[in-house]
Amino acid sequence: MINCEQDLLVNLIELSPRNARRKFRQSIFESWEWKCAYCDKDLDEKSATIDHILPKFKGGHNVKSNMICSCSKCNRSKGSVLLEDWYNPSNSYYSEERLGKIKHWIEDIVLLLSLYLQIKQLRT
């Protein structure tokens, strides 16, 4: 399982870039139990997409804390709109519980990366 971007880098050394990318995406899908983070729809390998929480168009990066499992309908609907502007009570799929899970996802990944960097500094 890939827990942070450093794991992706390790996999790039051990795997081909294509397989490392596939494994990285797979870890995101598995973390969300193959369900759309926005509407909770069950997904499979053909219907699952990755959405950038902060769109790349608006400065978002390809890091795990900014990438989320999404169905294609929600991904297209959100487009390059900010999460707070799109995923709110006016959205028919909106759920306070899912919004909390998305925010928790962002915080957990950032915390894991921060802890990893602290441990790395202690070892050097």
C-alpha atoms as a PDB file:
ATOM      1  CA  MET A   1       0.000   0.000   0.000  1.00  0.00           C
ATOM      2  CA  ILE A   2       1.163   3.500  -0.753  1.00  0.00           C
ATOM      3  CA  ASN A   3       0.856   5.848   2.200  1.00  0.00           C
ATOM      4  CA  CYS A   4       2.659   8.890   0.884  1.00  0.00           C
ATOM      5  CA  GLU A   5       4.325  10.318  -2.169  1.00  0.00           C
ATOM      6  CA  GLN A   6       7.666   8.873  -1.017  1.00  0.00           C
ATOM      7  CA  ASP A   7       6.192   5.395  -1.521  1.00  0.00           C
ATOM      8  CA  LEU A   8       5.421   6.359  -5.111  1.00  0.00           C
ATOM      9  CA  LEU A   9       9.070   7.362  -5.580  1.00  0.00           C
ATOM     10  CA  VAL A  10      10.267   4.041  -4.165  1.00  0.00           C
ATOM     11  CA  ASN A  11       7.907   2.227  -6.535  1.00  0.00           C
ATOM     12  CA  LEU A  12       9.289   4.209  -9.476  1.00  0.00           C
ATOM     13  CA  ILE A  13      12.676   2.675  -8.697  1.00  0.00           C
ATOM     14  CA  GLU A  14      11.292  -0.847  -8.318  1.00  0.00           C
ATOM     15  CA  LEU A  15       8.555  -0.720 -10.973  1.00  0.00           C
ATOM     16  CA  SER A  16       8.137   0.802 -14.381  1.00  0.00           C
ATOM     17  CA  PRO A  17       6.672   4.349 -14.278  1.00  0.00           C
ATOM     18  CA  ARG A  18       3.398   3.020 -15.678  1.00  0.00           C
ATOM     19  CA  ASN A  19       3.075   0.300 -13.029  1.00  0.00           C
ATOM     20  CA  ALA A  20       4.091   2.686 -10.234  1.00  0.00           C
ATOM     21  CA  ARG A  21       1.408   5.141 -11.349  1.00  0.00           C
ATOM     22  CA  ARG A  22      -1.173   2.337 -11.538  1.00  0.00           C
ATOM     23  CA  LYS A  23      -0.259   1.158  -8.030  1.00  0.00           C
ATOM     24  CA  PHE A  24      -0.488   4.734  -6.700  1.00  0.00           C
ATOM     25  CA  ARG A  25      -3.958   5.217  -8.218  1.00  0.00           C
ATOM     26  CA  GLN A  26      -5.037   1.774  -6.979  1.00  0.00           C
ATOM     27  CA  SER A  27      -4.083   2.749  -3.417  1.00  0.00           C
ATOM     28  CA  ILE A  28      -6.383   5.794  -3.626  1.00  0.00           C
ATOM     29  CA  PHE A  29      -9.278   3.683  -4.931  1.00  0.00           C
ATOM     30  CA  GLU A  30      -8.733   1.097  -2.193  1.00  0.00           C
ATOM     31  CA  SER A  31      -8.531   3.786   0.494  1.00  0.00           C
ATOM     32  CA  TRP A  32     -12.010   4.930  -0.563  1.00  0.00           C
ATOM     33  CA  GLU A  33     -13.229   1.307  -0.815  1.00  0.00           C
ATOM     34  CA  TRP A  34     -13.968   1.798  -4.515  1.00  0.00           C
ATOM     35  CA  LYS A  35     -16.709   4.357  -3.775  1.00  0.00           C
ATOM     36  CA  CYS A  36     -17.057   7.883  -5.091  1.00  0.00           C
ATOM     37  CA  ALA A  37     -16.024  10.280  -2.326  1.00  0.00           C
ATOM     38  CA  TYR A  38     -18.756  12.693  -3.406  1.00  0.00           C
ATOM     39  CA  CYS A  39     -21.877  10.610  -4.135  1.00  0.00           C
ATOM     40  CA  ASP A  40     -20.882   7.250  -2.557  1.00  0.00           C
ATOM     41  CA  LYS A  41     -21.551   5.344  -5.803  1.00  0.00           C
ATOM     42  CA  ASP A  42     -19.897   1.912  -6.057  1.00  0.00           C
ATOM     43  CA  LEU A  43     -17.094   1.973  -8.622  1.00  0.00           C
ATOM     44  CA  ASP A  44     -14.986  -0.498 -10.557  1.00  0.00           C
ATOM     45  CA  GLU A  45     -11.822  -0.241 -12.626  1.00  0.00           C
ATOM     46  CA  LYS A  46     -13.725   1.161 -15.609  1.00  0.00           C
ATOM     47  CA  SER A  47     -15.869   3.716 -13.774  1.00  0.00           C
ATOM     48  CA  ALA A  48     -13.414   4.992 -11.150  1.00  0.00           C
ATOM     49  CA  THR A  49     -11.585   8.249 -11.815  1.00  0.00           C
ATOM     50  CA  ILE A  50      -9.235  10.425  -9.792  1.00  0.00           C
ATOM     51  CA  ASP A  51     -10.327  13.969  -9.026  1.00  0.00           C
ATOM     52  CA  HIS A  52      -7.979  16.709  -7.865  1.00  0.00           C
ATOM     53  CA  ILE A  53      -9.577  18.289  -4.788  1.00  0.00           C
ATOM     54  CA  LEU A  54      -7.765  21.543  -5.568  1.00  0.00           C
ATOM     55  CA  PRO A  55      -7.890  21.504  -9.372  1.00  0.00           C
ATOM     56  CA  LYS A  56      -4.566  21.477 -11.208  1.00  0.00           C
ATOM     57  CA  PHE A  57      -5.888  24.498 -13.108  1.00  0.00           C
ATOM     58  CA  LYS A  58      -5.959  26.391  -9.793  1.00  0.00           C
ATOM     59  CA  GLY A  59      -2.547  25.253  -8.542  1.00  0.00           C
ATOM     60  CA  GLY A  60      -3.353  21.768  -7.242  1.00  0.00           C
ATOM     61  CA  HIS A  61      -0.634  19.128  -7.409  1.00  0.00           C
ATOM     62  CA  ASN A  62      -0.513  15.414  -8.144  1.00  0.00           C
ATOM     63  CA  VAL A  63      -0.087  14.446  -4.491  1.00  0.00           C
ATOM     64  CA  LYS A  64      -2.190  11.906  -2.660  1.00  0.00           C
ATOM     65  CA  SER A  65      -3.656  14.492  -0.271  1.00  0.00           C
ATOM     66  CA  ASN A  66      -5.064  16.332  -3.306  1.00  0.00           C
ATOM     67  CA  MET A  67      -6.373  13.278  -5.161  1.00  0.00           C
ATOM     68  CA  ILE A  68      -9.631  11.526  -4.417  1.00  0.00           C
ATOM     69  CA  CYS A  69     -11.668   8.633  -5.796  1.00  0.00           C
ATOM     70  CA  SER A  70     -14.572   9.899  -7.899  1.00  0.00           C
ATOM     71  CA  CYS A  71     -17.121   8.635 -10.370  1.00  0.00           C
ATOM     72  CA  SER A  72     -16.866  10.203 -13.812  1.00  0.00           C
ATOM     73  CA  LYS A  73     -20.193  12.030 -13.398  1.00  0.00           C
ATOM     74  CA  CYS A  74     -19.053  13.835 -10.230  1.00  0.00           C
ATOM     75  CA  ASN A  75     -15.571  14.444 -11.656  1.00  0.00           C
ATOM     76  CA  ARG A  76     -17.021  16.081 -14.788  1.00  0.00           C
ATOM     77  CA  SER A  77     -19.573  18.045 -12.777  1.00  0.00           C
ATOM     78  CA  LYS A  78     -16.931  19.440 -10.411  1.00  0.00           C
ATOM     79  CA  GLY A  79     -14.496  20.216 -13.216  1.00  0.00           C
ATOM     80  CA  SER A  80     -12.076  22.943 -12.149  1.00  0.00           C
ATOM     81  CA  VAL A  81     -14.346  24.333  -9.424  1.00  0.00           C
ATOM     82  CA  LEU A  82     -13.078  24.519  -5.848  1.00  0.00           C
ATOM     83  CA  LEU A  83     -14.446  21.841  -3.500  1.00  0.00           C
ATOM     84  CA  GLU A  84     -16.207  24.366  -1.238  1.00  0.00           C
ATOM     85  CA  ASP A  85     -17.918  26.009  -4.209  1.00  0.00           C
ATOM     86  CA  TRP A  86     -19.171  22.741  -5.690  1.00  0.00           C
ATOM     87  CA  TYR A  87     -19.675  20.298  -2.832  1.00  0.00           C
ATOM     88  CA  ASN A  88     -22.183  22.095  -0.624  1.00  0.00           C
ATOM     89  CA  PRO A  89     -25.834  21.611   0.398  1.00  0.00           C
ATOM     90  CA  SER A  90     -27.056  22.817  -3.007  1.00  0.00           C
ATOM     91  CA  ASN A  91     -25.364  19.767  -4.597  1.00  0.00           C
ATOM     92  CA  SER A  92     -27.861  16.879  -4.820  1.00  0.00           C
ATOM     93  CA  TYR A  93     -25.207  14.363  -3.661  1.00  0.00           C
ATOM     94  CA  TYR A  94     -23.984  16.490  -0.753  1.00  0.00           C
ATOM     95  CA  SER A  95     -23.448  14.727   2.557  1.00  0.00           C
ATOM     96  CA  GLU A  96     -21.979  16.328   5.665  1.00  0.00           C
ATOM     97  CA  GLU A  97     -20.538  12.910   6.562  1.00  0.00           C
ATOM     98  CA  ARG A  98     -18.741  12.556   3.205  1.00  0.00           C
ATOM     99  CA  LEU A  99     -17.469  16.147   3.380  1.00  0.00           C
ATOM    100  CA  GLY A 100     -16.022  15.322   6.792  1.00  0.00           C
ATOM    101  CA  LYS A 101     -14.365  12.207   5.365  1.00  0.00           C
ATOM    102  CA  ILE A 102     -12.841  14.244   2.507  1.00  0.00           C
ATOM    103  CA  LYS A 103     -11.461  16.833   4.940  1.00  0.00           C
ATOM    104  CA  HIS A 104     -10.157  14.030   7.170  1.00  0.00           C
ATOM    105  CA  TRP A 105      -8.462  12.463   4.103  1.00  0.00           C
ATOM    106  CA  ILE A 106      -6.664  15.704   3.321  1.00  0.00           C
ATOM    107  CA  GLU A 107      -5.527  16.183   6.926  1.00  0.00           C
ATOM    108  CA  ASP A 108      -4.441  12.543   7.449  1.00  0.00           C
ATOM    109  CA  ILE A 109      -2.265  12.433   4.342  1.00  0.00           C
ATOM    110  CA  VAL A 110      -0.631  15.776   5.156  1.00  0.00           C
ATOM    111  CA  LEU A 111      -0.016  14.575   8.727  1.00  0.00           C
ATOM    112  CA  LEU A 112       1.520  11.284   7.524  1.00  0.00           C
ATOM    113  CA  LEU A 113       3.855  13.135   5.165  1.00  0.00           C
ATOM    114  CA  SER A 114       4.849  15.548   7.943  1.00  0.00           C
ATOM    115  CA  LEU A 115       5.611  12.672  10.332  1.00  0.00           C
ATOM    116  CA  TYR A 116       7.617  10.890   7.637  1.00  0.00           C
ATOM    117  CA  LEU A 117       9.732  13.994   7.037  1.00  0.00           C
ATOM    118  CA  GLN A 118      10.307  14.444  10.794  1.00  0.00           C
ATOM    119  CA  ILE A 119      11.459  10.846  11.187  1.00  0.00           C
ATOM    120  CA  LYS A 120      13.709  11.200   8.152  1.00  0.00           C
ATOM    121  CA  GLN A 121      15.311  14.295   9.692  1.00  0.00           C
ATOM    122  CA  LEU A 122      15.915  12.494  12.987  1.00  0.00           C
ATOM    123  CA  ARG A 123      17.728   9.677  11.185  1.00  0.00           C
ATOM    124  CA  THR A 124      20.148  12.025   9.407  1.00  0.00           C
END
